[in-house]
Amino acid sequence: MTPPDDADLARRAAAGDDRAYAELMSRHKDSLHRLLRRYLGDAEEAQEAVHEAFIAAWSALSRYDPARPFGAWLRTIAVNKARDRGRRRAFRRLIFGDRPPEDTGARHHPDPAATPDEVLVRQEQIALLDRAIARLPDALKAPLLLTALEGRSQQETAEILGISVKAVETRVYRARRILAEALEPMLQPTS
């Protein structure tokens, strides 16, 4: 028997089937967490945003259009929750000032053949990249993460964000250029 698709599960969940919604959550939680961890730059905050996204999606199931991919609809909600968190974080920074950078919570899987120094350098590079991505403006961050991290097409990213395909292309280009400039010192060979 073929497992039900997301649209079928969403219809069943909207009719009150808690197991169907649990299955949708199970299918999408890891990819949402990866997306939001990169978006927000913090694993715990991303986990909270994932929970908020699932709660909001549950409340909005009656408005879900089964003709649209459920994953894209859910990512739209999740990115909006991440944007809300980013605005709250900016407000807290305005009120309380800058704090030391938070741990990115990135999961590091070191190469078993790498030396401890190489592992440390790699972890520092990943943390630097995570912080650089987290500092991108929302308008650039979401298209970059959806296309580069999630592997979404520009068309699908445009639908999720409610912008044109050309805007996605332009924003991804700008985000990559900003990241390249921010990370250029890291890429310089050491003598």
Protein backbone atom coordinates (compact mmCIF):
# COMPACT_ATOMS: atom_id res chain seq x y z
CA MET A 1 0.00 0.00 0.00
CA THR A 2 1.31 3.43 -0.96
CA PRO A 3 1.66 5.86 1.94
CA PRO A 4 -0.70 8.83 1.78
CA ASP A 5 0.65 12.02 0.23
CA ASP A 6 0.90 15.29 2.14
CA ALA A 7 -2.31 16.71 0.66
CA ASP A 8 -4.30 13.67 1.76
CA LEU A 9 -2.78 13.83 5.24
CA ALA A 10 -3.58 17.56 5.42
CA ARG A 11 -7.21 16.90 4.46
CA ARG A 12 -7.47 14.20 7.12
CA ALA A 13 -5.79 16.43 9.71
CA ALA A 14 -8.18 19.30 8.90
CA ALA A 15 -11.03 16.84 9.56
CA GLY A 16 -9.61 16.19 13.04
CA ASP A 17 -7.26 13.24 12.47
CA ASP A 18 -4.42 13.94 14.92
CA ARG A 19 -2.38 11.01 13.60
CA ALA A 20 -2.40 12.48 10.10
CA TYR A 21 -1.04 15.77 11.42
CA ALA A 22 1.58 13.92 13.48
CA GLU A 23 2.71 12.20 10.29
CA LEU A 24 2.98 15.57 8.50
CA MET A 25 5.05 16.92 11.39
CA SER A 26 7.28 13.87 11.30
CA ARG A 27 7.84 14.24 7.56
CA HIS A 28 8.75 17.92 7.67
CA LYS A 29 10.26 18.71 11.09
CA ASP A 30 13.90 17.93 10.27
CA SER A 31 14.00 19.91 7.03
CA LEU A 32 12.18 22.83 8.68
CA HIS A 33 14.63 22.79 11.56
CA ARG A 34 17.62 22.83 9.18
CA LEU A 35 16.10 25.74 7.26
CA LEU A 36 15.25 27.77 10.35
CA ARG A 37 18.52 27.01 12.14
CA ARG A 38 20.36 28.53 9.21
CA TYR A 39 17.85 31.36 8.96
CA LEU A 40 18.03 32.27 12.64
CA GLY A 41 21.58 31.14 13.41
CA ASP A 42 20.54 29.36 16.61
CA ALA A 43 19.40 25.75 17.02
CA GLU A 44 17.18 26.33 20.07
CA GLU A 45 15.49 29.35 18.57
CA ALA A 46 14.98 27.39 15.35
CA GLN A 47 13.34 24.56 17.30
CA GLU A 48 10.96 27.04 18.93
CA ALA A 49 10.17 28.56 15.53
CA VAL A 50 9.46 25.08 14.11
CA HIS A 51 6.99 24.48 16.95
CA GLU A 52 5.36 27.85 16.29
CA ALA A 53 5.13 27.04 12.57
CA PHE A 54 3.44 23.69 13.24
CA ILE A 55 0.99 25.29 15.67
CA ALA A 56 0.18 28.03 13.16
CA ALA A 57 -0.19 25.47 10.35
CA TRP A 58 -2.55 23.37 12.50
CA SER A 59 -4.69 26.46 13.10
CA ALA A 60 -4.68 27.31 9.38
CA LEU A 61 -5.30 23.83 7.93
CA SER A 62 -8.76 24.85 6.79
CA ARG A 63 -7.11 27.45 4.52
CA TYR A 64 -4.58 25.04 3.00
CA ASP A 65 -5.04 24.58 -0.76
CA PRO A 66 -4.31 20.91 -1.61
CA ALA A 67 -3.39 21.97 -5.15
CA ARG A 68 -0.28 23.58 -3.64
CA PRO A 69 2.51 21.41 -2.19
CA PHE A 70 2.07 21.12 1.57
CA GLY A 71 5.82 21.49 2.14
CA ALA A 72 5.90 24.82 0.32
CA TRP A 73 2.86 26.05 2.28
CA LEU A 74 4.47 24.97 5.55
CA ARG A 75 7.78 26.64 4.67
CA THR A 76 5.96 29.89 3.98
CA ILE A 77 4.56 29.76 7.50
CA ALA A 78 7.94 28.77 8.96
CA VAL A 79 9.84 31.57 7.21
CA ASN A 80 7.25 34.05 8.46
CA LYS A 81 7.73 32.74 12.02
CA ALA A 82 11.50 33.10 11.61
CA ARG A 83 11.06 36.67 10.35
CA ASP A 84 8.92 37.46 13.39
CA ARG A 85 11.63 36.07 15.67
CA GLY A 86 14.25 38.10 13.81
CA ARG A 87 12.24 41.28 14.35
CA ARG A 88 11.85 40.48 18.05
CA ARG A 89 15.58 39.80 18.30
CA ALA A 90 16.38 43.13 16.60
CA PHE A 91 14.06 44.90 19.03
CA ARG A 92 15.75 43.20 22.01
CA ARG A 93 19.15 44.25 20.63
CA LEU A 94 17.90 47.82 20.34
CA ILE A 95 16.72 47.78 23.94
CA PHE A 96 19.41 45.67 25.61
CA GLY A 97 22.38 46.21 23.31
CA ASP A 98 24.62 43.66 21.62
CA ARG A 99 25.45 40.44 23.36
CA PRO A 100 28.20 37.98 22.50
CA PRO A 101 27.34 35.83 19.50
CA GLU A 102 25.23 32.86 20.46
CA ASP A 103 26.28 29.29 19.87
CA THR A 104 24.95 28.34 16.44
CA GLY A 105 24.12 24.84 17.60
CA ALA A 106 25.38 23.44 14.32
CA ARG A 107 25.86 19.73 14.27
CA HIS A 108 29.40 18.96 13.31
CA HIS A 109 30.38 15.60 11.93
CA PRO A 110 34.16 15.62 11.91
CA ASP A 111 36.13 13.65 9.39
CA PRO A 112 37.64 10.73 11.32
CA ALA A 113 40.88 11.14 9.35
CA ALA A 114 41.14 14.85 10.22
CA THR A 115 43.52 16.07 12.88
CA PRO A 116 42.04 17.83 15.93
CA ASP A 117 43.32 21.15 14.55
CA GLU A 118 41.59 20.53 11.21
CA VAL A 119 38.34 19.64 12.99
CA LEU A 120 38.54 22.82 15.07
CA VAL A 121 39.20 24.98 11.99
CA ARG A 122 36.25 23.36 10.18
CA GLN A 123 33.94 23.94 13.15
CA GLU A 124 35.03 27.57 13.32
CA GLN A 125 34.38 27.97 9.59
CA ILE A 126 30.88 26.49 9.93
CA ALA A 127 30.12 28.76 12.90
CA LEU A 128 31.38 31.77 10.94
CA LEU A 129 29.21 30.83 7.96
CA ASP A 130 26.17 30.35 10.20
CA ARG A 131 26.69 33.78 11.78
CA ALA A 132 27.18 35.39 8.36
CA ILE A 133 23.96 33.82 7.06
CA ALA A 134 22.06 34.86 10.20
CA ARG A 135 23.17 38.49 9.62
CA LEU A 136 21.83 38.61 6.07
CA PRO A 137 18.73 40.77 5.59
CA ASP A 138 15.54 38.67 5.64
CA ALA A 139 14.82 39.53 2.02
CA LEU A 140 18.10 37.86 0.99
CA LYS A 141 18.33 35.14 3.62
CA ALA A 142 15.08 33.30 2.87
CA PRO A 143 15.65 32.88 -0.89
CA LEU A 144 19.25 31.75 -0.31
CA LEU A 145 18.30 29.15 2.29
CA LEU A 146 15.33 27.82 0.35
CA THR A 147 17.36 27.35 -2.82
CA ALA A 148 20.81 26.46 -1.48
CA LEU A 149 19.97 24.55 1.70
CA GLU A 150 16.54 23.17 0.92
CA GLY A 151 17.27 22.54 -2.76
CA ARG A 152 14.06 24.27 -3.83
CA SER A 153 13.75 25.54 -7.37
CA GLN A 154 13.61 29.27 -7.97
CA GLN A 155 9.98 28.86 -9.03
CA GLU A 156 9.04 27.06 -5.83
CA THR A 157 10.98 29.58 -3.74
CA ALA A 158 9.16 32.41 -5.50
CA GLU A 159 5.81 30.79 -4.65
CA ILE A 160 6.77 30.24 -1.01
CA LEU A 161 7.92 33.84 -0.58
CA GLY A 162 5.32 35.47 -2.80
CA ILE A 163 7.88 37.13 -5.06
CA SER A 164 8.88 36.76 -8.72
CA VAL A 165 11.38 34.20 -9.97
CA LYS A 166 13.61 37.08 -11.12
CA ALA A 167 13.52 38.51 -7.58
CA VAL A 168 14.61 35.12 -6.21
CA GLU A 169 17.48 34.97 -8.69
CA THR A 170 18.60 38.52 -7.86
CA ARG A 171 18.33 38.05 -4.10
CA VAL A 172 20.25 34.76 -4.13
CA TYR A 173 22.99 36.43 -6.19
CA ARG A 174 23.18 39.36 -3.76
CA ALA A 175 23.18 37.05 -0.71
CA ARG A 176 26.03 35.00 -2.15
CA ARG A 177 28.00 38.13 -2.96
CA ILE A 178 27.57 39.45 0.60
CA LEU A 179 28.59 36.09 2.05
CA ALA A 180 31.62 35.89 -0.21
CA GLU A 181 32.76 39.34 0.93
CA ALA A 182 32.15 38.49 4.59
CA LEU A 183 33.94 35.16 4.36
CA GLU A 184 36.79 36.21 2.06
CA PRO A 185 39.33 36.50 4.91
CA MET A 186 38.54 32.93 5.90
CA LEU A 187 39.28 31.73 2.37
CA GLN A 188 42.69 33.43 2.16
CA PRO A 189 45.57 30.96 2.40
CA THR A 190 47.55 31.23 5.60
CA SER A 191 51.32 31.55 5.36
